[in-house]
Amino acid sequence: MSKQTGMIITIVVAVLALCCSSFCCLSGVATLLGGGEWSSELGYPDSGQIEPVYGVPVICLGILVWVVPLLLWLFLVRGKEDRI
């Protein structure tokens, strides 16, 4: 795999992952700020506030969606020369 091909693949994956990571980060921030609520739709009258600390892993997941494609490109293309 050439560096140009690796860069193109990385850009495409990063653009496709933008929606998922943005949603994860925004919902994590909303939970962290105290805006998250849960409710049971299984017939039980349970509902309540989500603890703000549970927003941190969701934010980390959103950031991880951006870091993994870049690391994959780095390890797949690193040290390889363009072959003609």
C-alpha atoms as a PDB file:
ATOM      1  CA  MET A   1       0.000   0.000   0.000  1.00  0.00           C
ATOM      2  CA  SER A   2       1.448   3.359  -0.972  1.00  0.00           C
ATOM      3  CA  LYS A   3       1.381   6.448   1.200  1.00  0.00           C
ATOM      4  CA  GLN A   4      -1.070   8.157  -1.140  1.00  0.00           C
ATOM      5  CA  THR A   5      -3.493   5.224  -1.005  1.00  0.00           C
ATOM      6  CA  GLY A   6      -3.179   5.071   2.774  1.00  0.00           C
ATOM      7  CA  MET A   7      -3.860   8.793   3.059  1.00  0.00           C
ATOM      8  CA  ILE A   8      -6.960   8.550   0.848  1.00  0.00           C
ATOM      9  CA  ILE A   9      -8.318   5.628   2.865  1.00  0.00           C
ATOM     10  CA  THR A  10      -7.664   7.487   6.115  1.00  0.00           C
ATOM     11  CA  ILE A  11      -9.465  10.610   4.910  1.00  0.00           C
ATOM     12  CA  VAL A  12     -12.499   8.626   3.717  1.00  0.00           C
ATOM     13  CA  VAL A  13     -12.778   6.695   6.992  1.00  0.00           C
ATOM     14  CA  ALA A  14     -12.358   9.877   9.044  1.00  0.00           C
ATOM     15  CA  VAL A  15     -15.096  11.679   7.111  1.00  0.00           C
ATOM     16  CA  LEU A  16     -17.472   8.711   7.457  1.00  0.00           C
ATOM     17  CA  ALA A  17     -16.756   8.512  11.181  1.00  0.00           C
ATOM     18  CA  LEU A  18     -17.472  12.219  11.729  1.00  0.00           C
ATOM     19  CA  CYS A  19     -21.205  11.753  12.336  1.00  0.00           C
ATOM     20  CA  CYS A  20     -20.766   8.939  14.858  1.00  0.00           C
ATOM     21  CA  SER A  21     -18.017  10.646  16.800  1.00  0.00           C
ATOM     22  CA  SER A  22     -19.836  13.985  16.844  1.00  0.00           C
ATOM     23  CA  PHE A  23     -22.967  12.323  18.224  1.00  0.00           C
ATOM     24  CA  CYS A  24     -20.933  10.463  20.848  1.00  0.00           C
ATOM     25  CA  CYS A  25     -19.096  13.596  21.969  1.00  0.00           C
ATOM     26  CA  LEU A  26     -22.243  15.727  22.092  1.00  0.00           C
ATOM     27  CA  SER A  27     -24.227  13.156  24.050  1.00  0.00           C
ATOM     28  CA  GLY A  28     -21.272  12.654  26.396  1.00  0.00           C
ATOM     29  CA  VAL A  29     -21.002  16.388  27.013  1.00  0.00           C
ATOM     30  CA  ALA A  30     -24.761  16.627  27.590  1.00  0.00           C
ATOM     31  CA  THR A  31     -24.564  13.798  30.115  1.00  0.00           C
ATOM     32  CA  LEU A  32     -21.522  15.342  31.765  1.00  0.00           C
ATOM     33  CA  LEU A  33     -23.371  18.629  32.166  1.00  0.00           C
ATOM     34  CA  GLY A  34     -26.326  16.853  33.785  1.00  0.00           C
ATOM     35  CA  GLY A  35     -28.730  16.749  30.857  1.00  0.00           C
ATOM     36  CA  GLY A  36     -29.039  12.977  30.559  1.00  0.00           C
ATOM     37  CA  GLU A  37     -32.127  11.119  31.702  1.00  0.00           C
ATOM     38  CA  TRP A  38     -33.155   7.504  31.394  1.00  0.00           C
ATOM     39  CA  SER A  39     -36.532   5.845  31.419  1.00  0.00           C
ATOM     40  CA  SER A  40     -37.756   2.301  31.098  1.00  0.00           C
ATOM     41  CA  GLU A  41     -40.029   1.497  28.176  1.00  0.00           C
ATOM     42  CA  LEU A  42     -40.657  -2.061  29.316  1.00  0.00           C
ATOM     43  CA  GLY A  43     -43.765  -1.288  31.310  1.00  0.00           C
ATOM     44  CA  TYR A  44     -41.955  -0.302  34.495  1.00  0.00           C
ATOM     45  CA  PRO A  45     -42.492   3.217  35.808  1.00  0.00           C
ATOM     46  CA  ASP A  46     -38.750   3.741  36.334  1.00  0.00           C
ATOM     47  CA  SER A  47     -36.929   6.856  35.236  1.00  0.00           C
ATOM     48  CA  GLY A  48     -34.171   9.055  36.574  1.00  0.00           C
ATOM     49  CA  GLN A  49     -31.102  11.147  36.038  1.00  0.00           C
ATOM     50  CA  ILE A  50     -27.938   9.669  34.509  1.00  0.00           C
ATOM     51  CA  GLU A  51     -24.878  10.267  36.677  1.00  0.00           C
ATOM     52  CA  PRO A  52     -22.612  12.882  35.031  1.00  0.00           C
ATOM     53  CA  VAL A  53     -19.532  10.658  35.368  1.00  0.00           C
ATOM     54  CA  TYR A  54     -20.985   8.311  32.720  1.00  0.00           C
ATOM     55  CA  GLY A  55     -20.446  11.024  30.100  1.00  0.00           C
ATOM     56  CA  VAL A  56     -16.655  10.663  30.231  1.00  0.00           C
ATOM     57  CA  PRO A  57     -16.455   7.187  28.575  1.00  0.00           C
ATOM     58  CA  VAL A  58     -18.836   8.339  25.843  1.00  0.00           C
ATOM     59  CA  ILE A  59     -16.595  11.332  25.090  1.00  0.00           C
ATOM     60  CA  CYS A  60     -13.558   9.022  25.043  1.00  0.00           C
ATOM     61  CA  LEU A  61     -15.346   6.729  22.584  1.00  0.00           C
ATOM     62  CA  GLY A  62     -16.036   9.679  20.287  1.00  0.00           C
ATOM     63  CA  ILE A  63     -12.376  10.699  20.364  1.00  0.00           C
ATOM     64  CA  LEU A  64     -11.252   7.107  19.827  1.00  0.00           C
ATOM     65  CA  VAL A  65     -13.230   6.976  16.584  1.00  0.00           C
ATOM     66  CA  TRP A  66     -10.865   9.662  15.241  1.00  0.00           C
ATOM     67  CA  VAL A  67      -7.626   8.283  16.696  1.00  0.00           C
ATOM     68  CA  VAL A  68      -7.915   4.667  15.509  1.00  0.00           C
ATOM     69  CA  PRO A  69      -7.983   5.407  11.723  1.00  0.00           C
ATOM     70  CA  LEU A  70      -4.965   7.686  12.079  1.00  0.00           C
ATOM     71  CA  LEU A  71      -3.036   5.053  14.014  1.00  0.00           C
ATOM     72  CA  LEU A  72      -3.979   2.386  11.456  1.00  0.00           C
ATOM     73  CA  TRP A  73      -2.679   4.574   8.655  1.00  0.00           C
ATOM     74  CA  LEU A  74       0.519   5.234  10.573  1.00  0.00           C
ATOM     75  CA  PHE A  75       1.237   1.545  11.182  1.00  0.00           C
ATOM     76  CA  LEU A  76       0.116   0.303   7.737  1.00  0.00           C
ATOM     77  CA  VAL A  77       2.021   2.858   5.658  1.00  0.00           C
ATOM     78  CA  ARG A  78       4.986   3.688   7.879  1.00  0.00           C
ATOM     79  CA  GLY A  79       8.324   2.720   6.367  1.00  0.00           C
ATOM     80  CA  LYS A  80       6.881   1.675   3.011  1.00  0.00           C
ATOM     81  CA  GLU A  81       8.023   3.329  -0.163  1.00  0.00           C
ATOM     82  CA  ASP A  82       5.980   4.143  -3.252  1.00  0.00           C
ATOM     83  CA  ARG A  83       6.338   1.313  -5.748  1.00  0.00           C
ATOM     84  CA  ILE A  84       5.851   1.975  -9.400  1.00  0.00           C
END
